[in-house]
């Protein structure tokens, strides 16, 4: 297995140390580097772009939103997973627009962290279901929910529901007894019908416009 190069971007040394230790026990073949803010992160990219980056949102000098936006603009294929705390939901859409591939809560179990890393490395997106539920509750509580009509087939709605649960195309195909290629086509049609730029934007729209039930 190719050695994974992972970068942890967070302004708390203790958190970085703990995450490094946990990931080192999970992945014997991993190289882990660190940055304590968005400026250090961007500077490090001049030397090497990691396979995966775990990015805190709130940091000094350059925060996670701006650092992600600048990194994606210069390195479009970079894979970044945002590290969020409860209460950070207000930044969810900004991080999606900046170009993150997934979201994890900082108190996630290491098994979920591994699942997120492996999903994003495989080209998929990953969203903490607990965080999605929190976002939905906040949207409803602040009356921001918009019901924009989008005509999806029964199968497309079924697939959209599974996408928003964080399943990859292969996992959705296995669940529905369909080929991955068929799911790929359905996902492309859903993106087109909903006017979504990518899967992350699709999940954001599905929550915002109440296209799914979480």
Protein backbone atom coordinates (compact mmCIF):
# COMPACT_ATOMS: atom_id res chain seq x y z
CA UNK A 1 0.00 0.00 0.00
CA UNK A 2 1.30 3.46 -0.93
CA UNK A 3 2.40 5.54 2.02
CA UNK A 4 -0.27 8.08 2.97
CA UNK A 5 0.88 11.65 3.46
CA UNK A 6 -1.46 13.40 5.87
CA UNK A 7 -1.41 16.96 7.20
CA UNK A 8 -3.12 18.09 10.42
CA UNK A 9 -3.92 21.81 10.51
CA UNK A 10 -5.02 22.98 13.96
CA UNK A 11 -3.87 25.67 16.37
CA UNK A 12 -4.02 23.40 19.44
CA UNK A 13 -0.84 21.39 20.01
CA UNK A 14 -2.54 18.91 22.33
CA UNK A 15 -5.18 18.09 19.73
CA UNK A 16 -2.57 17.62 17.01
CA UNK A 17 -0.49 15.37 19.25
CA UNK A 18 -3.49 13.21 20.15
CA UNK A 19 -4.69 12.85 16.58
CA UNK A 20 -1.17 12.06 15.37
CA UNK A 21 -0.85 9.29 17.96
CA UNK A 22 -4.21 7.74 17.10
CA UNK A 23 -3.61 7.84 13.35
CA UNK A 24 -0.12 6.41 13.71
CA UNK A 25 -1.57 3.35 15.47
CA UNK A 26 -4.24 2.93 12.75
CA UNK A 27 -1.95 3.42 9.77
CA UNK A 28 1.56 2.02 10.16
CA UNK A 29 2.34 3.27 6.65
CA UNK A 30 1.58 6.97 7.14
CA UNK A 31 3.56 10.19 7.14
CA UNK A 32 2.02 12.91 9.29
CA UNK A 33 2.97 16.57 9.22
CA UNK A 34 1.44 19.50 11.07
CA UNK A 35 0.61 23.19 10.72
CA UNK A 36 -0.72 25.41 13.48
CA UNK A 37 -2.60 27.87 11.25
CA UNK A 38 -3.67 28.54 7.69
CA UNK A 39 -0.52 30.48 6.88
CA UNK A 40 1.76 27.58 7.83
CA UNK A 41 -0.50 25.23 5.87
CA UNK A 42 -0.30 27.29 2.68
CA UNK A 43 3.47 27.70 3.02
CA UNK A 44 3.88 23.92 3.42
CA UNK A 45 2.09 23.28 0.12
CA UNK A 46 4.95 24.95 -1.72
CA UNK A 47 7.09 21.91 -0.83
CA UNK A 48 4.55 19.09 -0.96
CA UNK A 49 0.78 18.63 -1.33
CA UNK A 50 -0.45 15.92 1.09
CA UNK A 51 -2.79 13.11 0.10
CA UNK A 52 -5.25 14.27 2.73
CA UNK A 53 -5.55 17.30 5.01
CA UNK A 54 -7.55 17.54 8.24
CA UNK A 55 -8.39 21.23 8.58
CA UNK A 56 -9.61 23.12 11.64
CA UNK A 57 -12.02 25.96 10.88
CA UNK A 58 -11.22 28.58 13.51
CA UNK A 59 -7.50 29.49 13.59
CA UNK A 60 -5.38 32.64 13.90
CA UNK A 61 -3.73 34.50 10.98
CA UNK A 62 -5.62 32.65 8.21
CA UNK A 63 -8.67 30.59 9.20
CA UNK A 64 -9.68 27.24 7.73
CA UNK A 65 -12.22 28.72 5.32
CA UNK A 66 -9.82 31.13 3.66
CA UNK A 67 -6.91 28.65 3.76
CA UNK A 68 -9.07 26.02 2.06
CA UNK A 69 -10.28 28.45 -0.59
CA UNK A 70 -6.74 29.56 -1.42
CA UNK A 71 -5.39 26.01 -1.47
CA UNK A 72 -8.16 24.67 -3.73
CA UNK A 73 -7.70 27.60 -6.10
CA UNK A 74 -4.01 26.79 -6.52
CA UNK A 75 -4.21 22.98 -6.15
CA UNK A 76 -7.70 21.94 -7.42
CA UNK A 77 -7.20 18.24 -6.65
CA UNK A 78 -6.25 18.77 -2.98
CA UNK A 79 -8.37 16.72 -0.56
CA UNK A 80 -9.40 18.56 2.61
CA UNK A 81 -11.66 17.36 5.42
CA UNK A 82 -12.93 20.06 7.77
CA UNK A 83 -12.71 19.48 11.52
CA UNK A 84 -15.75 20.99 13.17
CA UNK A 85 -17.15 21.48 16.65
CA UNK A 86 -20.81 21.75 17.58
CA UNK A 87 -21.67 25.38 17.07
CA UNK A 88 -19.57 25.66 13.91
CA UNK A 89 -22.54 24.81 11.68
CA UNK A 90 -22.73 28.44 10.60
CA UNK A 91 -19.47 27.84 8.70
CA UNK A 92 -20.67 24.65 6.99
CA UNK A 93 -21.79 26.26 3.74
CA UNK A 94 -18.73 28.50 3.59
CA UNK A 95 -16.42 25.49 3.88
CA UNK A 96 -18.41 23.63 1.22
CA UNK A 97 -18.08 26.59 -1.12
CA UNK A 98 -14.36 26.79 -0.30
CA UNK A 99 -13.95 23.22 -1.56
CA UNK A 100 -13.73 20.75 1.33
CA UNK A 101 -14.40 17.08 0.58
CA UNK A 102 -15.91 16.25 3.95
CA UNK A 103 -16.73 17.17 7.52
CA UNK A 104 -15.84 15.52 10.82
CA UNK A 105 -16.72 16.50 14.35
CA UNK A 106 -13.67 16.93 16.55
CA UNK A 107 -15.11 14.48 19.06
CA UNK A 108 -15.56 11.73 16.45
CA UNK A 109 -14.34 8.26 17.28
CA UNK A 110 -11.17 7.18 15.51
CA UNK A 111 -13.15 4.62 13.49
CA UNK A 112 -15.17 7.42 11.88
CA UNK A 113 -12.00 9.42 11.24
CA UNK A 114 -10.58 6.42 9.37
CA UNK A 115 -13.80 6.01 7.40
CA UNK A 116 -13.71 9.67 6.39
CA UNK A 117 -10.06 9.53 5.35
CA UNK A 118 -10.52 6.37 3.29
CA UNK A 119 -13.69 7.67 1.61
CA UNK A 120 -12.07 10.94 0.57
CA UNK A 121 -8.87 9.21 -0.56
CA UNK A 122 -11.05 6.99 -2.77
CA UNK A 123 -12.54 10.06 -4.44
CA UNK A 124 -15.79 10.22 -2.47
CA UNK A 125 -17.04 12.74 0.08
CA UNK A 126 -17.70 12.18 3.77
CA UNK A 127 -20.08 13.98 6.10
CA UNK A 128 -20.54 13.23 9.78
CA UNK A 129 -24.17 12.19 10.18
CA UNK A 130 -24.23 13.68 13.66
CA UNK A 131 -23.14 17.02 12.21
CA UNK A 132 -25.72 16.84 9.43
CA UNK A 133 -28.46 16.27 12.01
CA UNK A 134 -27.26 19.27 13.96
CA UNK A 135 -27.28 21.41 10.81
CA UNK A 136 -30.82 20.31 9.97
CA UNK A 137 -32.02 21.16 13.48
CA UNK A 138 -30.43 24.60 13.29
CA UNK A 139 -31.93 25.30 9.86
CA UNK A 140 -35.39 24.40 11.10
CA UNK A 141 -34.98 26.32 14.33
CA UNK A 142 -34.00 29.51 12.50
CA UNK A 143 -36.69 29.05 9.83
CA UNK A 144 -34.16 29.03 6.99
CA UNK A 145 -35.58 25.93 5.38
CA UNK A 146 -36.50 26.46 1.74
CA UNK A 147 -38.62 24.02 -0.18
CA UNK A 148 -37.39 24.41 -3.73
CA UNK A 149 -39.11 21.95 -6.01
CA UNK A 150 -36.85 19.53 -7.84
CA UNK A 151 -38.35 16.64 -9.77
CA UNK A 152 -36.43 13.47 -8.98
CA UNK A 153 -37.48 9.92 -9.73
CA UNK A 154 -38.15 7.49 -6.90
CA UNK A 155 -34.79 5.83 -7.58
CA UNK A 156 -32.98 9.18 -7.63
CA UNK A 157 -34.53 10.16 -4.31
CA UNK A 158 -33.45 6.82 -2.88
CA UNK A 159 -29.90 7.34 -4.09
CA UNK A 160 -29.82 10.95 -2.87
CA UNK A 161 -30.85 9.78 0.58
CA UNK A 162 -27.94 7.31 0.64
CA UNK A 163 -25.49 9.91 -0.69
CA UNK A 164 -26.44 12.17 2.20
CA UNK A 165 -25.82 9.30 4.60
CA UNK A 166 -22.22 9.28 3.42
CA UNK A 167 -22.27 6.10 1.32
CA UNK A 168 -19.92 5.81 -1.66
CA UNK A 169 -21.20 4.89 -5.13
CA UNK A 170 -19.95 1.33 -4.65
CA UNK A 171 -21.70 1.02 -1.27
CA UNK A 172 -24.93 2.43 -2.74
CA UNK A 173 -24.72 -0.04 -5.60
CA UNK A 174 -24.25 -2.92 -3.17
CA UNK A 175 -27.21 -1.74 -1.09
CA UNK A 176 -29.53 -1.39 -4.10
CA UNK A 177 -28.15 -4.37 -6.08
CA UNK A 178 -27.04 -2.08 -8.91
CA UNK A 179 -23.67 -1.66 -10.59
CA UNK A 180 -21.36 1.19 -9.61
CA UNK A 181 -21.58 2.47 -13.18
CA UNK A 182 -25.37 2.74 -12.87
CA UNK A 183 -25.02 4.68 -9.63
CA UNK A 184 -22.42 6.93 -11.27
CA UNK A 185 -24.98 7.80 -13.98
CA UNK A 186 -27.75 8.41 -11.44
CA UNK A 187 -25.46 10.66 -9.38
CA UNK A 188 -24.55 12.68 -12.48
CA UNK A 189 -28.26 13.09 -13.34
CA UNK A 190 -29.06 14.20 -9.79
CA UNK A 191 -26.25 16.76 -9.85
CA UNK A 192 -27.57 18.10 -13.17
CA UNK A 193 -31.22 18.27 -12.07
CA UNK A 194 -30.40 20.00 -8.79
CA UNK A 195 -27.85 22.40 -10.27
CA UNK A 196 -25.22 21.18 -7.81
CA UNK A 197 -21.53 21.64 -8.61
CA UNK A 198 -20.36 18.51 -6.81
CA UNK A 199 -21.44 16.00 -4.17
CA UNK A 200 -20.62 18.35 -1.30
CA UNK A 201 -22.78 21.08 -2.84
CA UNK A 202 -25.52 18.51 -3.49
CA UNK A 203 -25.62 17.49 0.19
CA UNK A 204 -25.76 21.16 1.18
CA UNK A 205 -28.68 21.80 -1.19
CA UNK A 206 -30.51 18.65 -0.12
CA UNK A 207 -30.42 19.79 3.51
CA UNK A 208 -31.23 23.41 2.76
CA UNK A 209 -34.18 22.67 0.49
CA UNK A 210 -35.53 19.67 2.44
CA UNK A 211 -35.13 17.18 -0.42
CA UNK A 212 -34.28 14.41 2.03
CA UNK A 213 -35.25 13.32 5.51
CA UNK A 214 -32.42 13.05 8.05
